[in-house]
């Protein structure tokens, strides 16, 4: 066999291998994404975990919406300060970032307490599991 023919075969084989790899990436199933921080997925799991009735669900949604609004507002402030910190570093901005992080933790703790208050005694054992699931979503 001529060298030219061998090179053609090698190039052909490499093209087929590349095509197979490309097809594998394009047609492979996508891995599951992280749990949703807000919206239906986590809220549905929380309602199921806590076994909430319709009245409790309404209170839960109000508390969750209030918490989301608070956290979104704090995140927005924190992002602005972080960008500013990288443009013009200062200890004051670092302290403010820490304070905002502390406010977010306190807001979440308050939200947990609000949810705990709406639970009936027979639902209380489920609260720790709910809190564990919520913290996994928050800390991700």
Protein backbone atom coordinates (compact mmCIF):
# COMPACT_ATOMS: atom_id res chain seq x y z
CA UNK A 1 0.00 0.00 0.00
CA UNK A 2 1.15 3.48 -0.77
CA UNK A 3 1.74 5.95 2.02
CA UNK A 4 -0.92 8.20 0.51
CA UNK A 5 -3.55 5.46 0.77
CA UNK A 6 -2.60 4.73 4.40
CA UNK A 7 -2.91 8.42 5.28
CA UNK A 8 -6.34 8.57 3.64
CA UNK A 9 -7.51 5.59 5.69
CA UNK A 10 -6.15 7.09 8.91
CA UNK A 11 -7.83 10.45 8.18
CA UNK A 12 -11.10 8.63 7.39
CA UNK A 13 -10.96 6.64 10.63
CA UNK A 14 -10.20 9.78 12.65
CA UNK A 15 -13.13 11.61 11.01
CA UNK A 16 -15.47 8.75 11.91
CA UNK A 17 -14.22 8.77 15.52
CA UNK A 18 -14.72 12.54 15.73
CA UNK A 19 -18.21 12.19 14.27
CA UNK A 20 -19.11 9.57 16.87
CA UNK A 21 -17.81 11.79 19.70
CA UNK A 22 -19.71 14.80 18.38
CA UNK A 23 -22.91 12.75 18.10
CA UNK A 24 -22.38 11.53 21.66
CA UNK A 25 -22.26 15.10 22.96
CA UNK A 26 -25.21 16.28 20.89
CA UNK A 27 -27.57 13.39 21.55
CA UNK A 28 -26.62 12.33 25.08
CA UNK A 29 -29.25 13.07 27.74
CA UNK A 30 -28.57 16.19 29.74
CA UNK A 31 -27.67 15.68 33.41
CA UNK A 32 -30.26 16.92 35.90
CA UNK A 33 -29.74 20.50 37.01
CA UNK A 34 -29.48 21.72 40.57
CA UNK A 35 -32.66 22.03 42.59
CA UNK A 36 -34.54 25.22 42.00
CA UNK A 37 -33.96 27.91 44.59
CA UNK A 38 -37.34 29.44 44.06
CA UNK A 39 -40.53 28.41 42.41
CA UNK A 40 -42.49 25.24 42.20
CA UNK A 41 -39.95 22.47 42.57
CA UNK A 42 -38.66 23.20 46.07
CA UNK A 43 -41.95 24.65 47.30
CA UNK A 44 -43.79 21.51 46.18
CA UNK A 45 -41.26 19.31 47.98
CA UNK A 46 -41.55 21.47 51.11
CA UNK A 47 -45.36 21.26 51.11
CA UNK A 48 -45.17 17.51 50.71
CA UNK A 49 -42.49 17.13 53.39
CA UNK A 50 -44.42 19.26 55.88
CA UNK A 51 -47.79 17.76 54.85
CA UNK A 52 -49.47 21.19 54.76
CA UNK A 53 -53.20 21.70 54.39
CA UNK A 54 -54.65 24.38 52.08
CA UNK A 55 -54.69 27.12 54.74
CA UNK A 56 -51.12 26.34 55.73
CA UNK A 57 -50.05 26.32 52.08
CA UNK A 58 -51.36 29.84 51.66
CA UNK A 59 -49.45 31.04 54.73
CA UNK A 60 -46.37 29.13 53.55
CA UNK A 61 -46.50 30.79 50.12
CA UNK A 62 -46.87 34.25 51.69
CA UNK A 63 -43.91 33.62 53.97
CA UNK A 64 -41.83 32.19 51.11
CA UNK A 65 -42.63 35.16 48.87
CA UNK A 66 -41.72 37.62 51.61
CA UNK A 67 -38.45 35.75 52.20
CA UNK A 68 -37.67 35.65 48.46
CA UNK A 69 -38.28 39.39 48.12
CA UNK A 70 -36.02 40.13 51.09
CA UNK A 71 -33.23 37.84 49.85
CA UNK A 72 -33.46 39.20 46.29
CA UNK A 73 -33.15 42.75 47.59
CA UNK A 74 -30.16 41.86 49.76
CA UNK A 75 -28.51 39.93 46.90
CA UNK A 76 -28.91 42.94 44.61
CA UNK A 77 -27.28 45.26 47.17
CA UNK A 78 -24.51 42.76 47.80
CA UNK A 79 -23.73 42.33 44.09
CA UNK A 80 -23.44 46.08 43.62
CA UNK A 81 -21.06 46.38 46.55
CA UNK A 82 -18.97 43.40 45.39
CA UNK A 83 -18.56 44.93 41.92
CA UNK A 84 -17.64 48.23 43.56
CA UNK A 85 -15.17 46.41 45.83
CA UNK A 86 -13.30 45.03 42.85
CA UNK A 87 -13.19 48.44 41.20
CA UNK A 88 -12.26 50.37 44.33
CA UNK A 89 -11.34 48.10 47.28
CA UNK A 90 -12.06 49.19 50.86
CA UNK A 91 -12.50 47.62 54.27
CA UNK A 92 -15.85 49.40 54.66
CA UNK A 93 -17.24 47.57 51.64
CA UNK A 94 -15.98 44.23 52.96
CA UNK A 95 -17.70 44.92 56.27
CA UNK A 96 -20.92 45.84 54.46
CA UNK A 97 -20.76 42.60 52.45
CA UNK A 98 -20.41 40.64 55.71
CA UNK A 99 -23.34 42.53 57.25
CA UNK A 100 -25.55 41.78 54.25
CA UNK A 101 -24.62 38.09 54.45
CA UNK A 102 -25.57 38.18 58.14
CA UNK A 103 -28.91 39.83 57.26
CA UNK A 104 -29.61 37.05 54.75
CA UNK A 105 -28.97 34.39 57.38
CA UNK A 106 -31.20 36.21 59.89
CA UNK A 107 -33.97 36.57 57.27
CA UNK A 108 -33.81 32.85 56.55
CA UNK A 109 -33.89 32.03 60.26
CA UNK A 110 -36.93 34.30 60.66
CA UNK A 111 -38.59 32.57 57.71
CA UNK A 112 -37.98 29.17 59.30
CA UNK A 113 -39.58 30.41 62.52
CA UNK A 114 -42.61 31.75 60.63
CA UNK A 115 -43.06 28.40 58.92
CA UNK A 116 -42.63 26.56 62.20
CA UNK A 117 -45.43 28.66 63.73
CA UNK A 118 -47.96 27.54 61.10
CA UNK A 119 -47.33 23.85 61.75
CA UNK A 120 -49.58 21.63 63.85
CA UNK A 121 -47.98 19.49 66.58
CA UNK A 122 -48.21 16.33 64.45
CA UNK A 123 -46.28 18.09 61.63
CA UNK A 124 -43.40 19.24 63.84
CA UNK A 125 -41.29 16.06 63.35
CA UNK A 126 -41.19 16.89 59.61
CA UNK A 127 -39.81 20.38 60.23
CA UNK A 128 -36.19 19.26 60.68
CA UNK A 129 -36.30 17.37 57.36
CA UNK A 130 -37.77 20.46 55.67
CA UNK A 131 -35.05 22.66 57.16
CA UNK A 132 -32.37 20.21 56.01
CA UNK A 133 -33.76 20.25 52.44
CA UNK A 134 -34.05 24.05 52.46
CA UNK A 135 -30.47 24.49 53.64
CA UNK A 136 -29.22 22.17 50.89
CA UNK A 137 -30.93 24.41 48.32
CA UNK A 138 -29.64 27.60 49.96
CA UNK A 139 -26.04 26.49 50.36
CA UNK A 140 -25.62 24.88 46.93
